Amino acid sequence: MTPQTQHESKTRLLEAAVHVIRAKGYAATTIDDICHKAGVTKGSFFHHFKSKDELALAAASHWGTMTDVFFAAAPYSKLQDPLQRLFGYVDFRGEILQGDLPDYTCLLGTLVQETYATHPDIRAACDKGMSSHIAALTRDVEAAKRLYAPKAPWRAESVGYFIQAVLQGGFIFAKAKQNPDVVRESLAHLRCYLEALFNQPRQTNRKGK
């Protein structure tokens, strides 16, 4: 097996883990499931990873890298005004609610709900990944606060966590109802909340509002 082939098989395993865990949950996911989805043998799996837990840690890191690139390339990230970037982020999260549940739900949120008490290393990896994403949001919240609400008593980081709490809670209901509509409605409320938080007039001409 060449180094390139080894790299390709490892990447396929990571991407398969991201999909299968989001579809079935961590406990129900087996190594056979991941190998089947990746199109590789179990021998290839154990060449790269000692266990499913080790793969989960690598998949959490892979997810973080993948989503960092994905959101950095989104149109809203090019906007100059930090508040418009926040609004653009919320709108973008609504736009990407496409496909089946595993296509738009969060790997880290799925993992941590199952593993927080039993797999401390995986819980820590999920915390690290989600906190990194929240930190990026917080930078925009802080910049927007300086411009639009400099005397507001709330902390920018708390708003970053609230944005993610809305999303992660919405994903749970999407799984329960097998439908993303509740996420879309929650995001619409979130945008209204942010407009009020930054003393912005309500936008009534947004598509679908």
N, C-alpha and C. Protein backbone atom coordinates (compact mmCIF):
# COMPACT_ATOMS: atom_id res chain seq x y z
N MET A 1 0.85 -1.19 0.00
CA MET A 1 0.00 0.00 0.00
C MET A 1 0.89 1.25 0.00
N THR A 2 0.70 2.10 -0.98
CA THR A 2 1.49 3.32 -1.08
C THR A 2 1.06 4.33 -0.02
N PRO A 3 1.94 5.31 0.30
CA PRO A 3 1.53 6.36 1.27
C PRO A 3 0.26 7.09 0.84
N GLN A 4 0.12 7.34 -0.47
CA GLN A 4 -1.08 8.03 -0.95
C GLN A 4 -2.33 7.18 -0.72
N THR A 5 -2.21 5.88 -1.01
CA THR A 5 -3.34 4.98 -0.79
C THR A 5 -3.70 4.89 0.69
N GLN A 6 -2.67 4.85 1.55
CA GLN A 6 -2.91 4.82 2.99
C GLN A 6 -3.65 6.08 3.43
N HIS A 7 -3.21 7.22 2.91
CA HIS A 7 -3.86 8.49 3.27
C HIS A 7 -5.31 8.49 2.80
N GLU A 8 -5.55 8.01 1.59
CA GLU A 8 -6.91 7.98 1.05
C GLU A 8 -7.81 7.06 1.87
N SER A 9 -7.31 5.91 2.27
CA SER A 9 -8.14 4.98 3.04
C SER A 9 -8.44 5.55 4.43
N LYS A 10 -7.48 6.25 5.02
CA LYS A 10 -7.72 6.87 6.33
C LYS A 10 -8.77 7.98 6.21
N THR A 11 -8.66 8.78 5.15
CA THR A 11 -9.65 9.85 4.95
C THR A 11 -11.03 9.27 4.74
N ARG A 12 -11.13 8.18 3.98
CA ARG A 12 -12.44 7.55 3.76
C ARG A 12 -13.02 7.04 5.08
N LEU A 13 -12.17 6.51 5.94
CA LEU A 13 -12.64 6.03 7.24
C LEU A 13 -13.14 7.19 8.10
N LEU A 14 -12.42 8.29 8.09
CA LEU A 14 -12.85 9.46 8.88
C LEU A 14 -14.18 10.00 8.37
N GLU A 15 -14.30 10.12 7.06
CA GLU A 15 -15.55 10.65 6.49
C GLU A 15 -16.70 9.68 6.72
N ALA A 16 -16.41 8.39 6.66
CA ALA A 16 -17.45 7.40 6.94
C ALA A 16 -17.89 7.49 8.40
N ALA A 17 -16.95 7.66 9.30
CA ALA A 17 -17.28 7.78 10.72
C ALA A 17 -18.18 8.99 10.96
N VAL A 18 -17.85 10.11 10.33
CA VAL A 18 -18.65 11.33 10.47
C VAL A 18 -20.10 11.05 10.06
N HIS A 19 -20.27 10.36 8.95
CA HIS A 19 -21.63 10.11 8.44
C HIS A 19 -22.37 9.08 9.30
N VAL A 20 -21.71 7.95 9.56
CA VAL A 20 -22.41 6.85 10.23
C VAL A 20 -22.76 7.22 11.67
N ILE A 21 -21.84 7.87 12.37
CA ILE A 21 -22.13 8.25 13.76
C ILE A 21 -23.28 9.24 13.82
N ARG A 22 -23.33 10.18 12.87
CA ARG A 22 -24.45 11.11 12.84
C ARG A 22 -25.76 10.39 12.51
N ALA A 23 -25.68 9.33 11.73
CA ALA A 23 -26.88 8.60 11.32
C ALA A 23 -27.38 7.64 12.40
N LYS A 24 -26.45 6.94 13.07
CA LYS A 24 -26.85 5.86 13.98
C LYS A 24 -26.56 6.15 15.45
N GLY A 25 -25.75 7.17 15.72
CA GLY A 25 -25.28 7.37 17.08
C GLY A 25 -24.01 6.58 17.32
N TYR A 26 -23.27 6.98 18.34
CA TYR A 26 -21.95 6.36 18.57
C TYR A 26 -22.08 4.92 19.05
N ALA A 27 -22.94 4.68 20.02
CA ALA A 27 -23.03 3.33 20.60
C ALA A 27 -23.46 2.31 19.55
N ALA A 28 -24.37 2.69 18.67
CA ALA A 28 -24.90 1.74 17.68
C ALA A 28 -23.97 1.56 16.49
N THR A 29 -23.02 2.44 16.32
CA THR A 29 -22.09 2.35 15.20
C THR A 29 -21.04 1.28 15.48
N THR A 30 -20.82 0.42 14.50
CA THR A 30 -19.80 -0.63 14.63
C THR A 30 -18.65 -0.36 13.65
N ILE A 31 -17.54 -1.00 13.92
CA ILE A 31 -16.40 -0.90 13.01
C ILE A 31 -16.78 -1.45 11.64
N ASP A 32 -17.59 -2.51 11.61
CA ASP A 32 -18.04 -3.06 10.33
C ASP A 32 -18.86 -2.02 9.55
N ASP A 33 -19.72 -1.27 10.26
CA ASP A 33 -20.51 -0.22 9.60
C ASP A 33 -19.59 0.80 8.93
N ILE A 34 -18.57 1.22 9.66
CA ILE A 34 -17.67 2.25 9.15
C ILE A 34 -16.87 1.73 7.97
N CYS A 35 -16.38 0.51 8.08
CA CYS A 35 -15.60 -0.08 6.98
C CYS A 35 -16.47 -0.22 5.73
N HIS A 36 -17.72 -0.65 5.93
CA HIS A 36 -18.62 -0.80 4.79
C HIS A 36 -18.87 0.53 4.12
N LYS A 37 -19.15 1.57 4.92
CA LYS A 37 -19.39 2.90 4.35
C LYS A 37 -18.15 3.43 3.65
N ALA A 38 -16.98 3.15 4.21
CA ALA A 38 -15.73 3.66 3.64
C ALA A 38 -15.25 2.84 2.46
N GLY A 39 -15.75 1.61 2.34
CA GLY A 39 -15.31 0.73 1.26
C GLY A 39 -13.90 0.20 1.48
N VAL A 40 -13.56 -0.06 2.76
CA VAL A 40 -12.23 -0.60 3.08
C VAL A 40 -12.41 -1.84 3.94
N THR A 41 -11.33 -2.59 4.10
CA THR A 41 -11.37 -3.80 4.91
C THR A 41 -11.12 -3.47 6.38
N LYS A 42 -11.46 -4.43 7.25
CA LYS A 42 -11.17 -4.24 8.67
C LYS A 42 -9.66 -4.20 8.91
N GLY A 43 -8.92 -4.90 8.05
CA GLY A 43 -7.46 -4.84 8.16
C GLY A 43 -6.96 -3.42 7.95
N SER A 44 -7.57 -2.73 6.98
CA SER A 44 -7.21 -1.34 6.73
C SER A 44 -7.58 -0.47 7.93
N PHE A 45 -8.75 -0.74 8.51
CA PHE A 45 -9.16 0.02 9.69
C PHE A 45 -8.12 -0.10 10.79
N PHE A 46 -7.74 -1.31 11.11
CA PHE A 46 -6.82 -1.52 12.24
C PHE A 46 -5.38 -1.12 11.89
N HIS A 47 -5.11 -0.92 10.63
CA HIS A 47 -3.82 -0.33 10.25
C HIS A 47 -3.74 1.12 10.71
N HIS A 48 -4.89 1.81 10.67
CA HIS A 48 -4.92 3.23 11.01
C HIS A 48 -5.34 3.51 12.46
N PHE A 49 -6.24 2.67 13.00
CA PHE A 49 -6.81 2.96 14.31
C PHE A 49 -6.83 1.69 15.17
N LYS A 50 -6.55 1.86 16.45
CA LYS A 50 -6.54 0.72 17.37
C LYS A 50 -7.95 0.32 17.78
N SER A 51 -8.88 1.27 17.73
CA SER A 51 -10.23 1.00 18.24
C SER A 51 -11.21 2.01 17.67
N LYS A 52 -12.49 1.76 17.92
CA LYS A 52 -13.52 2.72 17.53
C LYS A 52 -13.35 4.03 18.28
N ASP A 53 -12.96 3.95 19.55
CA ASP A 53 -12.74 5.17 20.33
C ASP A 53 -11.64 6.04 19.72
N GLU A 54 -10.57 5.40 19.29
CA GLU A 54 -9.48 6.16 18.67
C GLU A 54 -9.94 6.81 17.38
N LEU A 55 -10.74 6.10 16.62
CA LEU A 55 -11.30 6.68 15.40
C LEU A 55 -12.19 7.87 15.74
N ALA A 56 -12.99 7.75 16.79
CA ALA A 56 -13.89 8.85 17.17
C ALA A 56 -13.10 10.11 17.49
N LEU A 57 -11.98 9.97 18.19
CA LEU A 57 -11.14 11.12 18.50
C LEU A 57 -10.61 11.76 17.22
N ALA A 58 -10.15 10.92 16.29
CA ALA A 58 -9.65 11.43 15.02
C ALA A 58 -10.76 12.06 14.20
N ALA A 59 -11.96 11.47 14.25
CA ALA A 59 -13.09 12.01 13.50
C ALA A 59 -13.51 13.37 14.05
N ALA A 60 -13.44 13.55 15.37
CA ALA A 60 -13.77 14.84 15.97
C ALA A 60 -12.81 15.92 15.48
N SER A 61 -11.53 15.58 15.41
CA SER A 61 -10.54 16.53 14.90
C SER A 61 -10.75 16.80 13.41
N HIS A 62 -11.04 15.75 12.66
CA HIS A 62 -11.31 15.89 11.23
C HIS A 62 -12.53 16.78 11.00
N TRP A 63 -13.56 16.60 11.80
CA TRP A 63 -14.77 17.41 11.70
C TRP A 63 -14.44 18.89 11.93
N GLY A 64 -13.62 19.15 12.94
CA GLY A 64 -13.25 20.53 13.22
C GLY A 64 -12.53 21.18 12.06
N THR A 65 -11.59 20.47 11.48
CA THR A 65 -10.85 21.00 10.33
C THR A 65 -11.76 21.22 9.14
N MET A 66 -12.61 20.25 8.89
CA MET A 66 -13.52 20.30 7.75
C MET A 66 -14.52 21.46 7.88
N THR A 67 -15.09 21.62 9.08
CA THR A 67 -16.07 22.69 9.26
C THR A 67 -15.42 24.07 9.28
N ASP A 68 -14.20 24.16 9.80
CA ASP A 68 -13.47 25.44 9.76
C ASP A 68 -13.32 25.92 8.31
N VAL A 69 -12.92 25.01 7.44
CA VAL A 69 -12.75 25.35 6.03
C VAL A 69 -14.10 25.70 5.40
N PHE A 70 -15.11 24.93 5.73
CA PHE A 70 -16.44 25.12 5.15
C PHE A 70 -17.00 26.50 5.50
N PHE A 71 -16.96 26.87 6.77
CA PHE A 71 -17.53 28.16 7.17
C PHE A 71 -16.65 29.33 6.73
N ALA A 72 -15.33 29.12 6.66
CA ALA A 72 -14.45 30.20 6.20
C ALA A 72 -14.71 30.53 4.73
N ALA A 73 -15.19 29.55 3.96
CA ALA A 73 -15.47 29.77 2.54
C ALA A 73 -16.88 30.28 2.29
N ALA A 74 -17.72 30.34 3.32
CA ALA A 74 -19.11 30.79 3.14
C ALA A 74 -19.15 32.28 2.80
N PRO A 75 -20.12 32.70 2.00
CA PRO A 75 -20.17 34.11 1.57
C PRO A 75 -20.21 35.11 2.72
N TYR A 76 -20.92 34.79 3.79
CA TYR A 76 -21.06 35.75 4.89
C TYR A 76 -19.72 36.11 5.53
N SER A 77 -18.75 35.18 5.47
CA SER A 77 -17.47 35.42 6.13
C SER A 77 -16.67 36.54 5.48
N LYS A 78 -17.06 36.93 4.25
CA LYS A 78 -16.34 38.00 3.54
C LYS A 78 -16.91 39.38 3.86
N LEU A 79 -18.02 39.44 4.58
CA LEU A 79 -18.62 40.73 4.90
C LEU A 79 -17.74 41.51 5.87
N GLN A 80 -17.69 42.82 5.69
CA GLN A 80 -16.82 43.65 6.52
C GLN A 80 -17.42 43.92 7.90
N ASP A 81 -18.72 44.13 7.96
CA ASP A 81 -19.38 44.47 9.22
C ASP A 81 -19.56 43.21 10.07
N PRO A 82 -19.04 43.19 11.30
CA PRO A 82 -19.14 41.97 12.11
C PRO A 82 -20.57 41.58 12.45
N LEU A 83 -21.46 42.57 12.58
CA LEU A 83 -22.85 42.24 12.86
C LEU A 83 -23.51 41.60 11.65
N GLN A 84 -23.19 42.08 10.46
CA GLN A 84 -23.72 41.46 9.25
C GLN A 84 -23.16 40.05 9.08
N ARG A 85 -21.92 39.84 9.53
CA ARG A 85 -21.39 38.47 9.50
C ARG A 85 -22.18 37.55 10.42
N LEU A 86 -22.55 38.06 11.60
CA LEU A 86 -23.36 37.25 12.51
C LEU A 86 -24.72 36.92 11.91
N PHE A 87 -25.39 37.94 11.35
CA PHE A 87 -26.66 37.69 10.70
C PHE A 87 -26.48 36.71 9.54
N GLY A 88 -25.41 36.91 8.78
CA GLY A 88 -25.14 36.02 7.65
C GLY A 88 -24.89 34.59 8.10
N TYR A 89 -24.21 34.43 9.23
CA TYR A 89 -23.97 33.09 9.77
C TYR A 89 -25.29 32.40 10.10
N VAL A 90 -26.16 33.12 10.80
CA VAL A 90 -27.45 32.54 11.19
C VAL A 90 -28.26 32.17 9.94
N ASP A 91 -28.30 33.05 8.97
CA ASP A 91 -29.04 32.77 7.74
C ASP A 91 -28.43 31.58 7.00
N PHE A 92 -27.09 31.53 6.98
CA PHE A 92 -26.40 30.44 6.29
C PHE A 92 -26.70 29.10 6.95
N ARG A 93 -26.77 29.08 8.28
CA ARG A 93 -27.09 27.82 8.95
C ARG A 93 -28.47 27.32 8.55
N GLY A 94 -29.38 28.25 8.28
CA GLY A 94 -30.69 27.84 7.79
C GLY A 94 -30.64 27.31 6.36
N GLU A 95 -29.81 27.94 5.54
CA GLU A 95 -29.72 27.55 4.13
C GLU A 95 -29.13 26.15 3.95
N ILE A 96 -28.28 25.71 4.86
CA ILE A 96 -27.61 24.42 4.68
C ILE A 96 -28.36 23.27 5.35
N LEU A 97 -29.58 23.51 5.78
CA LEU A 97 -30.40 22.43 6.33
C LEU A 97 -31.01 21.65 5.17
N GLN A 98 -30.16 20.95 4.47
CA GLN A 98 -30.56 20.23 3.27
C GLN A 98 -30.20 18.75 3.40
N GLY A 99 -30.97 17.91 2.73
CA GLY A 99 -30.65 16.49 2.71
C GLY A 99 -31.23 15.75 3.91
N ASP A 100 -30.60 14.63 4.23
CA ASP A 100 -31.04 13.82 5.35
C ASP A 100 -30.41 14.31 6.65
N LEU A 101 -30.91 13.82 7.78
CA LEU A 101 -30.41 14.25 9.09
C LEU A 101 -28.88 14.18 9.21
N PRO A 102 -28.24 13.10 8.77
CA PRO A 102 -26.79 13.06 8.91
C PRO A 102 -26.05 14.09 8.07
N ASP A 103 -26.75 14.71 7.13
CA ASP A 103 -26.11 15.69 6.25
C ASP A 103 -25.99 17.06 6.92
N TYR A 104 -26.81 17.34 7.93
CA TYR A 104 -26.77 18.69 8.50
C TYR A 104 -26.66 18.73 10.02
N THR A 105 -26.77 17.61 10.70
CA THR A 105 -26.61 17.63 12.15
C THR A 105 -25.13 17.60 12.53
N CYS A 106 -24.85 17.87 13.79
CA CYS A 106 -23.47 18.06 14.25
C CYS A 106 -22.87 16.77 14.81
N LEU A 107 -21.73 16.38 14.29
CA LEU A 107 -21.05 15.19 14.82
C LEU A 107 -20.71 15.37 16.30
N LEU A 108 -20.16 16.52 16.66
CA LEU A 108 -19.71 16.72 18.04
C LEU A 108 -20.88 16.71 19.01
N GLY A 109 -21.99 17.34 18.63
CA GLY A 109 -23.17 17.32 19.49
C GLY A 109 -23.71 15.91 19.67
N THR A 110 -23.70 15.13 18.59
CA THR A 110 -24.16 13.75 18.66
C THR A 110 -23.26 12.92 19.57
N LEU A 111 -21.94 13.07 19.38
CA LEU A 111 -20.98 12.31 20.18
C LEU A 111 -21.07 12.63 21.66
N VAL A 112 -21.09 13.92 21.98
CA VAL A 112 -20.99 14.30 23.39
C VAL A 112 -22.25 13.91 24.16
N GLN A 113 -23.39 13.88 23.52
CA GLN A 113 -24.61 13.47 24.22
C GLN A 113 -24.52 12.02 24.70
N GLU A 114 -23.81 11.19 23.93
CA GLU A 114 -23.69 9.78 24.28
C GLU A 114 -22.49 9.47 25.16
N THR A 115 -21.44 10.25 25.07
CA THR A 115 -20.16 9.84 25.65
C THR A 115 -19.69 10.68 26.84
N TYR A 116 -20.44 11.71 27.20
CA TYR A 116 -19.92 12.67 28.19
C TYR A 116 -19.57 12.02 29.53
N ALA A 117 -20.29 10.95 29.91
CA ALA A 117 -20.05 10.32 31.20
C ALA A 117 -19.19 9.06 31.12
N THR A 118 -19.00 8.55 29.93
CA THR A 118 -18.33 7.24 29.79
C THR A 118 -17.01 7.30 29.04
N HIS A 119 -16.80 8.34 28.22
CA HIS A 119 -15.59 8.45 27.41
C HIS A 119 -15.01 9.87 27.58
N PRO A 120 -14.26 10.11 28.65
CA PRO A 120 -13.80 11.47 28.93
C PRO A 120 -12.93 12.07 27.83
N ASP A 121 -12.16 11.24 27.14
CA ASP A 121 -11.31 11.77 26.06
C ASP A 121 -12.17 12.27 24.90
N ILE A 122 -13.21 11.52 24.55
CA ILE A 122 -14.10 11.95 23.47
C ILE A 122 -14.88 13.19 23.89
N ARG A 123 -15.36 13.20 25.15
CA ARG A 123 -16.06 14.40 25.63
C ARG A 123 -15.17 15.63 25.53
N ALA A 124 -13.91 15.49 25.92
CA ALA A 124 -12.98 16.63 25.87
C ALA A 124 -12.73 17.07 24.44
N ALA A 125 -12.65 16.10 23.52
CA ALA A 125 -12.44 16.45 22.11
C ALA A 125 -13.64 17.19 21.56
N CYS A 126 -14.84 16.78 21.95
CA CYS A 126 -16.05 17.48 21.51
C CYS A 126 -16.10 18.88 22.09
N ASP A 127 -15.76 19.01 23.35
CA ASP A 127 -15.74 20.33 24.00
C ASP A 127 -14.75 21.24 23.29
N LYS A 128 -13.58 20.72 22.99
CA LYS A 128 -12.55 21.51 22.30
C LYS A 128 -13.06 21.99 20.94
N GLY A 129 -13.67 21.09 20.18
CA GLY A 129 -14.15 21.45 18.85
C GLY A 129 -15.28 22.46 18.88
N MET A 130 -16.25 22.24 19.76
CA MET A 130 -17.37 23.18 19.84
C MET A 130 -16.93 24.53 20.40
N SER A 131 -16.02 24.50 21.37
CA SER A 131 -15.52 25.75 21.95
C SER A 131 -14.73 26.56 20.93
N SER A 132 -14.02 25.88 20.05
CA SER A 132 -13.27 26.59 19.01
C SER A 132 -14.21 27.31 18.06
N HIS A 133 -15.30 26.66 17.69
CA HIS A 133 -16.28 27.29 16.81
C HIS A 133 -16.95 28.46 17.51
N ILE A 134 -17.27 28.29 18.78
CA ILE A 134 -17.88 29.37 19.55
C ILE A 134 -16.92 30.54 19.69
N ALA A 135 -15.64 30.26 19.84
CA ALA A 135 -14.65 31.34 19.96
C ALA A 135 -14.63 32.20 18.70
N ALA A 136 -14.76 31.56 17.54
CA ALA A 136 -14.80 32.32 16.28
C ALA A 136 -16.05 33.20 16.23
N LEU A 137 -17.18 32.66 16.65
CA LEU A 137 -18.41 33.46 16.72
C LEU A 137 -18.26 34.61 17.72
N THR A 138 -17.64 34.32 18.84
CA THR A 138 -17.50 35.32 19.90
C THR A 138 -16.69 36.52 19.43
N ARG A 139 -15.70 36.28 18.58
CA ARG A 139 -14.92 37.41 18.06
C ARG A 139 -15.80 38.37 17.28
N ASP A 140 -16.71 37.83 16.49
CA ASP A 140 -17.63 38.70 15.75
C ASP A 140 -18.63 39.37 16.68
N VAL A 141 -19.11 38.64 17.68
CA VAL A 141 -20.04 39.23 18.64
C VAL A 141 -19.36 40.39 19.38
N GLU A 142 -18.13 40.18 19.80
CA GLU A 142 -17.41 41.23 20.53
C GLU A 142 -17.18 42.45 19.65
N ALA A 143 -16.80 42.22 18.41
CA ALA A 143 -16.59 43.35 17.49
C ALA A 143 -17.90 44.09 17.22
N ALA A 144 -18.99 43.35 17.06
CA ALA A 144 -20.29 43.98 16.84
C ALA A 144 -20.75 44.74 18.08
N LYS A 145 -20.46 44.20 19.25
CA LYS A 145 -20.84 44.86 20.50
C LYS A 145 -20.14 46.21 20.62
N ARG A 146 -18.87 46.27 20.26
CA ARG A 146 -18.14 47.53 20.33
C ARG A 146 -18.75 48.58 19.42
N LEU A 147 -19.28 48.14 18.28
CA LEU A 147 -19.85 49.08 17.31
C LEU A 147 -21.28 49.47 17.64
N TYR A 148 -22.10 48.50 18.06
CA TYR A 148 -23.54 48.73 18.13
C TYR A 148 -24.13 48.73 19.54
N ALA A 149 -23.43 48.13 20.50
CA ALA A 149 -23.98 48.06 21.86
C ALA A 149 -22.86 48.11 22.89
N PRO A 150 -22.03 49.16 22.84
CA PRO A 150 -20.83 49.19 23.69
C PRO A 150 -21.13 49.20 25.18
N LYS A 151 -22.30 49.66 25.59
CA LYS A 151 -22.63 49.75 27.01
C LYS A 151 -23.50 48.58 27.49
N ALA A 152 -23.76 47.64 26.61
CA ALA A 152 -24.60 46.50 27.00
C ALA A 152 -23.90 45.67 28.07
N PRO A 153 -24.64 45.16 29.07
CA PRO A 153 -24.01 44.45 30.18
C PRO A 153 -23.67 42.98 29.90
N TRP A 154 -24.17 42.44 28.81
CA TRP A 154 -23.93 41.02 28.53
C TRP A 154 -22.53 40.77 27.97
N ARG A 155 -22.08 39.51 28.12
CA ARG A 155 -20.76 39.12 27.63
C ARG A 155 -20.88 38.52 26.23
N ALA A 156 -19.93 38.86 25.39
CA ALA A 156 -19.95 38.35 24.02
C ALA A 156 -19.90 36.83 23.99
N GLU A 157 -19.09 36.22 24.86
CA GLU A 157 -18.97 34.77 24.85
C GLU A 157 -20.30 34.09 25.16
N SER A 158 -21.08 34.71 26.07
CA SER A 158 -22.37 34.10 26.41
C SER A 158 -23.31 34.09 25.21
N VAL A 159 -23.20 35.09 24.35
CA VAL A 159 -24.02 35.13 23.14
C VAL A 159 -23.55 34.04 22.16
N GLY A 160 -22.23 33.87 22.06
CA GLY A 160 -21.71 32.80 21.21
C GLY A 160 -22.23 31.44 21.63
N TYR A 161 -22.24 31.19 22.94
CA TYR A 161 -22.77 29.92 23.44
C TYR A 161 -24.27 29.80 23.19
N PHE A 162 -24.98 30.91 23.33
CA PHE A 162 -26.43 30.87 23.10
C PHE A 162 -26.74 30.51 21.65
N ILE A 163 -25.99 31.08 20.71
CA ILE A 163 -26.20 30.77 19.29
C ILE A 163 -26.06 29.27 19.07
N GLN A 164 -25.01 28.68 19.65
CA GLN A 164 -24.81 27.25 19.47
C GLN A 164 -25.84 26.42 20.24
N ALA A 165 -26.28 26.92 21.38
CA ALA A 165 -27.32 26.21 22.13
C ALA A 165 -28.61 26.11 21.32
N VAL A 166 -28.95 27.18 20.61
CA VAL A 166 -30.13 27.16 19.75
C VAL A 166 -29.97 26.10 18.66
N LEU A 167 -28.80 26.08 18.03
CA LEU A 167 -28.56 25.11 16.97
C LEU A 167 -28.58 23.67 17.48
N GLN A 168 -27.84 23.40 18.56
CA GLN A 168 -27.76 22.03 19.05
C GLN A 168 -29.12 21.55 19.56
N GLY A 169 -29.86 22.44 20.22
CA GLY A 169 -31.21 22.07 20.65
C GLY A 169 -32.11 21.82 19.46
N GLY A 170 -31.98 22.64 18.43
CA GLY A 170 -32.76 22.43 17.22
C GLY A 170 -32.47 21.09 16.57
N PHE A 171 -31.19 20.70 16.56
CA PHE A 171 -30.82 19.40 15.96
C PHE A 171 -31.46 18.24 16.72
N ILE A 172 -31.55 18.36 18.04
CA ILE A 172 -32.20 17.31 18.83
C ILE A 172 -33.67 17.17 18.43
N PHE A 173 -34.36 18.30 18.28
CA PHE A 173 -35.76 18.23 17.88
C PHE A 173 -35.91 17.76 16.43
N ALA A 174 -34.95 18.11 15.58
CA ALA A 174 -35.00 17.63 14.20
C ALA A 174 -34.92 16.10 14.17
N LYS A 175 -34.09 15.54 15.05
CA LYS A 175 -33.99 14.08 15.13
C LYS A 175 -35.30 13.49 15.66
N ALA A 176 -35.87 14.14 16.67
CA ALA A 176 -37.10 13.62 17.26
C ALA A 176 -38.25 13.66 16.26
N LYS A 177 -38.31 14.72 15.47
CA LYS A 177 -39.41 14.91 14.55
C LYS A 177 -39.09 14.47 13.12
N GLN A 178 -37.80 14.11 12.89
CA GLN A 178 -37.36 13.71 11.55
C GLN A 178 -37.64 14.81 10.53
N ASN A 179 -37.39 16.04 10.94
CA ASN A 179 -37.71 17.19 10.09
C ASN A 179 -36.91 18.40 10.57
N PRO A 180 -36.30 19.17 9.66
CA PRO A 180 -35.49 20.32 10.08
C PRO A 180 -36.28 21.61 10.29
N ASP A 181 -37.62 21.57 10.11
CA ASP A 181 -38.38 22.82 10.19
C ASP A 181 -38.22 23.51 11.54
N VAL A 182 -38.13 22.74 12.62
CA VAL A 182 -37.99 23.34 13.94
C VAL A 182 -36.67 24.10 14.04
N VAL A 183 -35.64 23.62 13.35
CA VAL A 183 -34.35 24.32 13.36
C VAL A 183 -34.48 25.65 12.62
N ARG A 184 -35.16 25.61 11.48
CA ARG A 184 -35.34 26.84 10.70
C ARG A 184 -36.11 27.89 11.51
N GLU A 185 -37.16 27.45 12.19
CA GLU A 185 -37.96 28.39 12.98
C GLU A 185 -37.16 28.93 14.16
N SER A 186 -36.37 28.08 14.77
CA SER A 186 -35.53 28.52 15.89
C SER A 186 -34.49 29.53 15.41
N LEU A 187 -33.93 29.31 14.24
CA LEU A 187 -32.96 30.25 13.69
C LEU A 187 -33.61 31.59 13.36
N ALA A 188 -34.85 31.56 12.90
CA ALA A 188 -35.56 32.82 12.63
C ALA A 188 -35.75 33.61 13.92
N HIS A 189 -36.10 32.92 15.00
CA HIS A 189 -36.24 33.58 16.30
C HIS A 189 -34.89 34.10 16.78
N LEU A 190 -33.84 33.30 16.56
CA LEU A 190 -32.50 33.72 16.96
C LEU A 190 -32.09 35.00 16.26
N ARG A 191 -32.40 35.11 14.98
CA ARG A 191 -32.03 36.32 14.24
C ARG A 191 -32.78 37.53 14.80
N CYS A 192 -34.05 37.36 15.10
CA CYS A 192 -34.82 38.46 15.70
C CYS A 192 -34.22 38.86 17.04
N TYR A 193 -33.80 37.88 17.82
CA TYR A 193 -33.19 38.16 19.11
C TYR A 193 -31.90 38.96 18.94
N LEU A 194 -31.06 38.57 17.98
CA LEU A 194 -29.81 39.28 17.75
C LEU A 194 -30.08 40.71 17.29
N GLU A 195 -31.08 40.88 16.44
CA GLU A 195 -31.43 42.24 16.01
C GLU A 195 -31.81 43.10 17.20
N ALA A 196 -32.57 42.54 18.13
CA ALA A 196 -32.97 43.29 19.33
C ALA A 196 -31.77 43.54 20.23
N LEU A 197 -30.91 42.55 20.34
CA LEU A 197 -29.74 42.66 21.21
C LEU A 197 -28.82 43.80 20.78
N PHE A 198 -28.72 44.00 19.48
CA PHE A 198 -27.85 45.03 18.94
C PHE A 198 -28.63 46.28 18.50
N ASN A 199 -29.87 46.38 18.95
CA ASN A 199 -30.69 47.57 18.69
C ASN A 199 -30.84 47.85 17.19
N GLN A 200 -31.06 46.77 16.44
CA GLN A 200 -31.23 46.91 15.00
C GLN A 200 -32.71 46.83 14.65
N PRO A 201 -33.18 47.65 13.71
CA PRO A 201 -34.59 47.54 13.29
C PRO A 201 -34.84 46.18 12.67
N ARG A 202 -36.01 45.63 12.93
CA ARG A 202 -36.34 44.31 12.41
C ARG A 202 -36.41 44.34 10.90
N GLN A 203 -35.76 43.32 10.29
CA GLN A 203 -35.76 43.21 8.83
C GLN A 203 -36.95 42.36 8.41
N THR A 204 -37.88 42.97 7.69
CA THR A 204 -39.11 42.25 7.30
C THR A 204 -39.09 41.79 5.87
N ASN A 205 -38.02 42.12 5.14
CA ASN A 205 -37.99 41.78 3.72
C ASN A 205 -37.05 40.62 3.43
N ARG A 206 -36.62 39.89 4.48
CA ARG A 206 -35.74 38.75 4.25
C ARG A 206 -36.53 37.63 3.60
N LYS A 207 -35.86 36.88 2.77
CA LYS A 207 -36.52 35.76 2.08
C LYS A 207 -37.09 34.78 3.09
N GLY A 208 -38.36 34.48 2.92
CA GLY A 208 -39.00 33.49 3.76
C GLY A 208 -39.45 34.02 5.10
N LYS A 209 -39.31 35.33 5.37
CA LYS A 209 -39.70 35.89 6.67
C LYS A 209 -40.98 36.70 6.52
